[in-house]
Amino acid sequence: MVLSNVFLLLALRRLISLKTLISSQGKIFDASFWIFISAIFHFWSVLYIILVFISIVFHFGKEYKNWVLPFVSFFCVWILYIATSLILYDNYSINKSVYQVDFNFFDFKDVYQNMALSLFVSISVLFFASQTIDYQNKPLNMQSSYKQVYFAFLLALGIYVFSANKSNDLLIYTFAPLSILGANMFEKMENSIYKEVSLYLLLGVGFFFFFAQL
């Protein structure tokens, strides 16, 4: 999941940089390529490909060539996957278990894991809602980037929802978009004391649940 998330971060970086309108086709191809590579390590991260098409709509909806690039990336990754499998294992196959879907939530045996997940959901709702409400106050040239971050967070939740063998580890996919949303929320706070207390409290709670689950 760590490797999968790293590749998604590379993809997100390329998609956010589309607002410059420079080398757009290369960025779309790269982002799609990294997403499909990520799906090799954790299948449901392929949901991020939706963000590629959303980004195309935001910036280049009328340029039909850009809609084809994600499929070209898929073909390239598929060829690389088959070639690597044949070289290393003399065959290639896909384990059907990677497609499994599980909608069983809050079923952890450790009470601290359930508590940590509940708190995480509360904080996520706070960050997401506050920044969604404040969206109209964002600079016009940055609004498309914020939309991409919003959708990245929702798709990260989708990865958690669809993945089997649920654990708090799957929340790693939400860390990057939540960090951006949370940082912007704290930046808007005018009272510096309240800002610092909130940050230290959030950090302390995180450490508490981390050590409690060991």
C-alpha atoms as a PDB file:
ATOM      1  CA  MET A   1       0.000   0.000   0.000  1.00  0.00           C
ATOM      2  CA  VAL A   2       2.894   2.355   0.658  1.00  0.00           C
ATOM      3  CA  LEU A   3       4.281   1.838  -2.852  1.00  0.00           C
ATOM      4  CA  SER A   4       0.798   2.103  -4.321  1.00  0.00           C
ATOM      5  CA  ASN A   5       0.233   5.411  -2.512  1.00  0.00           C
ATOM      6  CA  VAL A   6       3.593   6.780  -3.653  1.00  0.00           C
ATOM      7  CA  PHE A   7       2.652   6.197  -7.287  1.00  0.00           C
ATOM      8  CA  LEU A   8      -0.735   7.855  -6.714  1.00  0.00           C
ATOM      9  CA  LEU A   9       1.041  10.889  -5.253  1.00  0.00           C
ATOM     10  CA  LEU A  10       3.165  11.115  -8.402  1.00  0.00           C
ATOM     11  CA  ALA A  11      -0.034  10.968 -10.452  1.00  0.00           C
ATOM     12  CA  LEU A  12      -1.757  13.611  -8.340  1.00  0.00           C
ATOM     13  CA  ARG A  13       1.242  15.906  -8.711  1.00  0.00           C
ATOM     14  CA  ARG A  14       1.060  15.644 -12.506  1.00  0.00           C
ATOM     15  CA  LEU A  15      -2.686  16.246 -12.565  1.00  0.00           C
ATOM     16  CA  ILE A  16      -2.527  19.334 -10.348  1.00  0.00           C
ATOM     17  CA  SER A  17       0.203  20.772 -12.586  1.00  0.00           C
ATOM     18  CA  LEU A  18      -2.189  20.630 -15.564  1.00  0.00           C
ATOM     19  CA  LYS A  19      -3.367  24.135 -14.640  1.00  0.00           C
ATOM     20  CA  THR A  20      -0.188  25.500 -16.258  1.00  0.00           C
ATOM     21  CA  LEU A  21      -1.449  24.145 -19.628  1.00  0.00           C
ATOM     22  CA  ILE A  22       2.140  23.165 -20.476  1.00  0.00           C
ATOM     23  CA  SER A  23       2.903  19.647 -21.836  1.00  0.00           C
ATOM     24  CA  SER A  24      -0.663  18.665 -20.975  1.00  0.00           C
ATOM     25  CA  GLN A  25      -0.712  15.446 -22.991  1.00  0.00           C
ATOM     26  CA  GLY A  26       2.511  14.229 -21.392  1.00  0.00           C
ATOM     27  CA  LYS A  27       1.128  14.960 -17.932  1.00  0.00           C
ATOM     28  CA  ILE A  28      -2.109  13.102 -18.639  1.00  0.00           C
ATOM     29  CA  PHE A  29      -0.181  10.105 -19.928  1.00  0.00           C
ATOM     30  CA  ASP A  30       2.196  10.162 -16.953  1.00  0.00           C
ATOM     31  CA  ALA A  31      -0.605  10.449 -14.401  1.00  0.00           C
ATOM     32  CA  SER A  32      -2.514   7.557 -15.969  1.00  0.00           C
ATOM     33  CA  PHE A  33       0.665   5.499 -16.165  1.00  0.00           C
ATOM     34  CA  TRP A  34       1.425   5.970 -12.450  1.00  0.00           C
ATOM     35  CA  ILE A  35      -2.158   5.130 -11.491  1.00  0.00           C
ATOM     36  CA  PHE A  36      -2.096   1.848 -13.392  1.00  0.00           C
ATOM     37  CA  ILE A  37       1.306   1.018 -11.900  1.00  0.00           C
ATOM     38  CA  SER A  38      -0.208   1.729  -8.481  1.00  0.00           C
ATOM     39  CA  ALA A  39      -3.061  -0.688  -9.247  1.00  0.00           C
ATOM     40  CA  ILE A  40      -0.535  -3.509  -9.602  1.00  0.00           C
ATOM     41  CA  PHE A  41       0.304  -3.129  -5.902  1.00  0.00           C
ATOM     42  CA  HIS A  42      -3.272  -2.479  -4.734  1.00  0.00           C
ATOM     43  CA  PHE A  43      -5.972  -3.041  -7.320  1.00  0.00           C
ATOM     44  CA  TRP A  44      -8.620  -0.604  -6.080  1.00  0.00           C
ATOM     45  CA  SER A  45      -6.255   2.343  -6.418  1.00  0.00           C
ATOM     46  CA  VAL A  46      -7.275   2.127 -10.086  1.00  0.00           C
ATOM     47  CA  LEU A  47     -10.278   4.249  -9.029  1.00  0.00           C
ATOM     48  CA  TYR A  48      -7.952   7.243  -9.271  1.00  0.00           C
ATOM     49  CA  ILE A  49      -8.186   6.988 -13.053  1.00  0.00           C
ATOM     50  CA  ILE A  50     -11.548   8.731 -12.611  1.00  0.00           C
ATOM     51  CA  LEU A  51      -9.575  11.770 -11.424  1.00  0.00           C
ATOM     52  CA  VAL A  52      -7.702  11.814 -14.734  1.00  0.00           C
ATOM     53  CA  PHE A  53     -10.936  12.095 -16.700  1.00  0.00           C
ATOM     54  CA  ILE A  54     -12.261  14.699 -14.263  1.00  0.00           C
ATOM     55  CA  SER A  55      -9.076  16.733 -14.785  1.00  0.00           C
ATOM     56  CA  ILE A  56      -9.477  16.449 -18.553  1.00  0.00           C
ATOM     57  CA  VAL A  57     -13.002  17.838 -18.231  1.00  0.00           C
ATOM     58  CA  PHE A  58     -11.700  20.765 -16.158  1.00  0.00           C
ATOM     59  CA  HIS A  59      -8.946  21.740 -18.581  1.00  0.00           C
ATOM     60  CA  PHE A  60      -9.234  20.066 -22.008  1.00  0.00           C
ATOM     61  CA  GLY A  61     -12.757  18.677 -22.336  1.00  0.00           C
ATOM     62  CA  LYS A  62     -13.026  19.460 -26.056  1.00  0.00           C
ATOM     63  CA  GLU A  63      -9.671  17.945 -27.083  1.00  0.00           C
ATOM     64  CA  TYR A  64     -10.597  14.357 -27.930  1.00  0.00           C
ATOM     65  CA  LYS A  65      -6.956  13.178 -28.102  1.00  0.00           C
ATOM     66  CA  ASN A  66      -6.587  13.671 -24.352  1.00  0.00           C
ATOM     67  CA  TRP A  67      -9.429  11.203 -23.697  1.00  0.00           C
ATOM     68  CA  VAL A  68      -7.478   8.456 -25.467  1.00  0.00           C
ATOM     69  CA  LEU A  69      -4.236   8.883 -23.511  1.00  0.00           C
ATOM     70  CA  PRO A  70      -5.358   6.999 -20.337  1.00  0.00           C
ATOM     71  CA  PHE A  71      -6.151   3.956 -22.492  1.00  0.00           C
ATOM     72  CA  VAL A  72      -2.724   4.183 -24.120  1.00  0.00           C
ATOM     73  CA  SER A  73      -1.175   4.269 -20.641  1.00  0.00           C
ATOM     74  CA  PHE A  74      -3.191   1.197 -19.631  1.00  0.00           C
ATOM     75  CA  PHE A  75      -1.936  -0.672 -22.691  1.00  0.00           C
ATOM     76  CA  CYS A  76       1.696   0.249 -21.895  1.00  0.00           C
ATOM     77  CA  VAL A  77       1.409  -0.860 -18.259  1.00  0.00           C
ATOM     78  CA  TRP A  78      -0.343  -4.076 -19.284  1.00  0.00           C
ATOM     79  CA  ILE A  79       2.474  -4.938 -21.717  1.00  0.00           C
ATOM     80  CA  LEU A  80       5.082  -4.182 -19.034  1.00  0.00           C
ATOM     81  CA  TYR A  81       3.205  -6.321 -16.500  1.00  0.00           C
ATOM     82  CA  ILE A  82       2.985  -9.302 -18.858  1.00  0.00           C
ATOM     83  CA  ALA A  83       6.653  -8.985 -19.897  1.00  0.00           C
ATOM     84  CA  THR A  84       7.858  -8.749 -16.298  1.00  0.00           C
ATOM     85  CA  SER A  85       5.725 -11.722 -15.244  1.00  0.00           C
ATOM     86  CA  LEU A  86       7.019 -13.847 -18.111  1.00  0.00           C
ATOM     87  CA  ILE A  87      10.633 -12.961 -17.322  1.00  0.00           C
ATOM     88  CA  LEU A  88      10.340 -13.605 -13.583  1.00  0.00           C
ATOM     89  CA  TYR A  89       7.788 -16.440 -13.426  1.00  0.00           C
ATOM     90  CA  ASP A  90       7.507 -17.844 -16.979  1.00  0.00           C
ATOM     91  CA  ASN A  91       3.774 -17.133 -16.902  1.00  0.00           C
ATOM     92  CA  TYR A  92       1.382 -14.396 -16.016  1.00  0.00           C
ATOM     93  CA  SER A  93      -1.891 -14.498 -14.148  1.00  0.00           C
ATOM     94  CA  ILE A  94      -4.083 -12.252 -12.048  1.00  0.00           C
ATOM     95  CA  ASN A  95      -5.240 -13.392  -8.647  1.00  0.00           C
ATOM     96  CA  LYS A  96      -9.023 -13.049  -8.603  1.00  0.00           C
ATOM     97  CA  SER A  97      -8.922 -12.179  -4.923  1.00  0.00           C
ATOM     98  CA  VAL A  98      -7.667  -8.684  -5.790  1.00  0.00           C
ATOM     99  CA  TYR A  99     -11.113  -7.891  -7.200  1.00  0.00           C
ATOM    100  CA  GLN A 100     -12.911  -8.792  -4.005  1.00  0.00           C
ATOM    101  CA  VAL A 101     -15.202  -6.166  -2.515  1.00  0.00           C
ATOM    102  CA  ASP A 102     -16.008  -5.914   1.180  1.00  0.00           C
ATOM    103  CA  PHE A 103     -18.470  -3.423   2.668  1.00  0.00           C
ATOM    104  CA  ASN A 104     -17.960  -4.548   6.260  1.00  0.00           C
ATOM    105  CA  PHE A 105     -16.960  -1.471   8.301  1.00  0.00           C
ATOM    106  CA  PHE A 106     -16.004  -0.914  11.932  1.00  0.00           C
ATOM    107  CA  ASP A 107     -15.359  -4.629  12.464  1.00  0.00           C
ATOM    108  CA  PHE A 108     -11.909  -4.444  14.045  1.00  0.00           C
ATOM    109  CA  LYS A 109     -11.239  -6.628  17.061  1.00  0.00           C
ATOM    110  CA  ASP A 110      -9.169  -3.938  18.754  1.00  0.00           C
ATOM    111  CA  VAL A 111     -11.404  -1.266  20.328  1.00  0.00           C
ATOM    112  CA  TYR A 112      -8.658   1.322  19.795  1.00  0.00           C
ATOM    113  CA  GLN A 113      -8.771   0.706  16.039  1.00  0.00           C
ATOM    114  CA  ASN A 114     -12.512   1.386  16.019  1.00  0.00           C
ATOM    115  CA  MET A 115     -11.990   4.518  18.096  1.00  0.00           C
ATOM    116  CA  ALA A 116      -9.168   5.710  15.845  1.00  0.00           C
ATOM    117  CA  LEU A 117     -11.299   5.159  12.730  1.00  0.00           C
ATOM    118  CA  SER A 118     -14.251   7.028  14.260  1.00  0.00           C
ATOM    119  CA  LEU A 119     -12.030   9.971  15.204  1.00  0.00           C
ATOM    120  CA  PHE A 120     -10.396   9.957  11.772  1.00  0.00           C
ATOM    121  CA  VAL A 121     -13.794  10.112  10.095  1.00  0.00           C
ATOM    122  CA  SER A 122     -14.796  13.067  12.295  1.00  0.00           C
ATOM    123  CA  ILE A 123     -11.613  15.002  11.522  1.00  0.00           C
ATOM    124  CA  SER A 124     -11.894  14.203   7.812  1.00  0.00           C
ATOM    125  CA  VAL A 125     -15.468  15.509   7.700  1.00  0.00           C
ATOM    126  CA  LEU A 126     -14.319  18.697   9.463  1.00  0.00           C
ATOM    127  CA  PHE A 127     -11.435  19.324   7.047  1.00  0.00           C
ATOM    128  CA  PHE A 128     -13.444  18.477   3.936  1.00  0.00           C
ATOM    129  CA  ALA A 129     -16.582  20.395   4.909  1.00  0.00           C
ATOM    130  CA  SER A 130     -14.705  23.514   6.001  1.00  0.00           C
ATOM    131  CA  GLN A 131     -12.739  23.720   2.768  1.00  0.00           C
ATOM    132  CA  THR A 132     -15.743  22.928   0.593  1.00  0.00           C
ATOM    133  CA  ILE A 133     -17.678  25.787   2.210  1.00  0.00           C
ATOM    134  CA  ASP A 134     -14.674  28.097   1.765  1.00  0.00           C
ATOM    135  CA  TYR A 135     -14.226  27.078  -1.890  1.00  0.00           C
ATOM    136  CA  GLN A 136     -15.636  30.303  -3.336  1.00  0.00           C
ATOM    137  CA  ASN A 137     -12.973  32.303  -1.484  1.00  0.00           C
ATOM    138  CA  LYS A 138     -10.139  30.482  -3.238  1.00  0.00           C
ATOM    139  CA  PRO A 139      -8.232  32.318  -6.004  1.00  0.00           C
ATOM    140  CA  LEU A 140      -9.832  31.665  -9.393  1.00  0.00           C
ATOM    141  CA  ASN A 141      -6.613  30.251 -10.843  1.00  0.00           C
ATOM    142  CA  MET A 142      -6.453  27.704  -7.999  1.00  0.00           C
ATOM    143  CA  GLN A 143     -10.063  26.543  -7.900  1.00  0.00           C
ATOM    144  CA  SER A 144      -9.566  23.712 -10.396  1.00  0.00           C
ATOM    145  CA  SER A 145      -6.650  22.413  -8.297  1.00  0.00           C
ATOM    146  CA  TYR A 146      -8.795  22.432  -5.173  1.00  0.00           C
ATOM    147  CA  LYS A 147     -11.519  20.535  -7.028  1.00  0.00           C
ATOM    148  CA  GLN A 148      -8.939  17.903  -7.915  1.00  0.00           C
ATOM    149  CA  VAL A 149      -7.927  17.618  -4.253  1.00  0.00           C
ATOM    150  CA  TYR A 150     -11.586  17.246  -3.216  1.00  0.00           C
ATOM    151  CA  PHE A 151     -12.141  14.462  -5.725  1.00  0.00           C
ATOM    152  CA  ALA A 152      -8.802  12.839  -4.782  1.00  0.00           C
ATOM    153  CA  PHE A 153     -10.028  12.597  -1.185  1.00  0.00           C
ATOM    154  CA  LEU A 154     -13.384  11.119  -2.236  1.00  0.00           C
ATOM    155  CA  LEU A 155     -11.670   8.566  -4.467  1.00  0.00           C
ATOM    156  CA  ALA A 156      -9.322   7.668  -1.611  1.00  0.00           C
ATOM    157  CA  LEU A 157     -12.401   6.946   0.479  1.00  0.00           C
ATOM    158  CA  GLY A 158     -13.653   4.831  -2.421  1.00  0.00           C
ATOM    159  CA  ILE A 159     -10.484   2.734  -2.226  1.00  0.00           C
ATOM    160  CA  TYR A 160     -11.209   2.095   1.460  1.00  0.00           C
ATOM    161  CA  VAL A 161     -14.878   1.302   0.793  1.00  0.00           C
ATOM    162  CA  PHE A 162     -14.240  -1.242  -1.963  1.00  0.00           C
ATOM    163  CA  SER A 163     -11.106  -2.904  -0.571  1.00  0.00           C
ATOM    164  CA  ALA A 164     -11.375  -6.271   1.128  1.00  0.00           C
ATOM    165  CA  ASN A 165      -9.546  -7.072   4.382  1.00  0.00           C
ATOM    166  CA  LYS A 166     -10.203  -3.582   5.706  1.00  0.00           C
ATOM    167  CA  SER A 167      -7.789  -2.028   8.145  1.00  0.00           C
ATOM    168  CA  ASN A 168      -6.790   1.471   9.144  1.00  0.00           C
ATOM    169  CA  ASP A 169      -3.756   1.045   6.883  1.00  0.00           C
ATOM    170  CA  LEU A 170      -6.001   1.721   3.885  1.00  0.00           C
ATOM    171  CA  LEU A 171      -6.532   5.270   5.112  1.00  0.00           C
ATOM    172  CA  ILE A 172      -3.017   6.075   3.877  1.00  0.00           C
ATOM    173  CA  TYR A 173      -4.586   7.019   0.532  1.00  0.00           C
ATOM    174  CA  THR A 174      -6.458   9.897   2.172  1.00  0.00           C
ATOM    175  CA  PHE A 175      -3.399  11.407   3.875  1.00  0.00           C
ATOM    176  CA  ALA A 176      -2.191  13.607   1.004  1.00  0.00           C
ATOM    177  CA  PRO A 177      -5.508  15.314   0.133  1.00  0.00           C
ATOM    178  CA  LEU A 178      -6.426  15.602   3.828  1.00  0.00           C
ATOM    179  CA  SER A 179      -3.055  17.210   4.576  1.00  0.00           C
ATOM    180  CA  ILE A 180      -3.740  19.851   1.943  1.00  0.00           C
ATOM    181  CA  LEU A 181      -7.284  20.481   3.185  1.00  0.00           C
ATOM    182  CA  GLY A 182      -6.219  20.543   6.836  1.00  0.00           C
ATOM    183  CA  ALA A 183      -3.268  22.862   6.198  1.00  0.00           C
ATOM    184  CA  ASN A 184      -5.562  25.317   4.425  1.00  0.00           C
ATOM    185  CA  MET A 185      -8.093  25.167   7.255  1.00  0.00           C
ATOM    186  CA  PHE A 186      -5.448  25.921   9.897  1.00  0.00           C
ATOM    187  CA  GLU A 187      -4.008  28.679   7.715  1.00  0.00           C
ATOM    188  CA  LYS A 188      -7.392  30.435   7.793  1.00  0.00           C
ATOM    189  CA  MET A 189      -7.477  30.511  11.593  1.00  0.00           C
ATOM    190  CA  GLU A 190      -6.779  34.042  12.807  1.00  0.00           C
ATOM    191  CA  ASN A 191      -6.164  33.168  16.460  1.00  0.00           C
ATOM    192  CA  SER A 192      -2.601  31.819  16.606  1.00  0.00           C
ATOM    193  CA  ILE A 193      -3.051  30.310  20.084  1.00  0.00           C
ATOM    194  CA  TYR A 194      -6.140  28.371  19.013  1.00  0.00           C
ATOM    195  CA  LYS A 195      -4.284  27.269  15.899  1.00  0.00           C
ATOM    196  CA  GLU A 196      -1.286  25.916  17.845  1.00  0.00           C
ATOM    197  CA  VAL A 197      -3.449  24.210  20.483  1.00  0.00           C
ATOM    198  CA  SER A 198      -5.470  22.498  17.751  1.00  0.00           C
ATOM    199  CA  LEU A 199      -2.353  21.307  15.969  1.00  0.00           C
ATOM    200  CA  TYR A 200      -0.701  19.930  19.111  1.00  0.00           C
ATOM    201  CA  LEU A 201      -3.953  18.289  20.201  1.00  0.00           C
ATOM    202  CA  LEU A 202      -4.321  16.628  16.811  1.00  0.00           C
ATOM    203  CA  LEU A 203      -0.719  15.444  16.957  1.00  0.00           C
ATOM    204  CA  GLY A 204      -1.140  14.136  20.514  1.00  0.00           C
ATOM    205  CA  VAL A 205      -4.287  12.191  19.671  1.00  0.00           C
ATOM    206  CA  GLY A 206      -2.529  10.651  16.678  1.00  0.00           C
ATOM    207  CA  PHE A 207       0.382   9.448  18.802  1.00  0.00           C
ATOM    208  CA  PHE A 208      -1.991   8.112  21.468  1.00  0.00           C
ATOM    209  CA  PHE A 209      -3.909   5.878  19.065  1.00  0.00           C
ATOM    210  CA  PHE A 210      -0.704   4.821  17.304  1.00  0.00           C
ATOM    211  CA  PHE A 211       0.853   3.479  20.523  1.00  0.00           C
ATOM    212  CA  ALA A 212      -2.489   2.152  21.830  1.00  0.00           C
ATOM    213  CA  GLN A 213      -2.792  -0.188  18.832  1.00  0.00           C
ATOM    214  CA  LEU A 214       0.705  -1.664  19.255  1.00  0.00           C
END
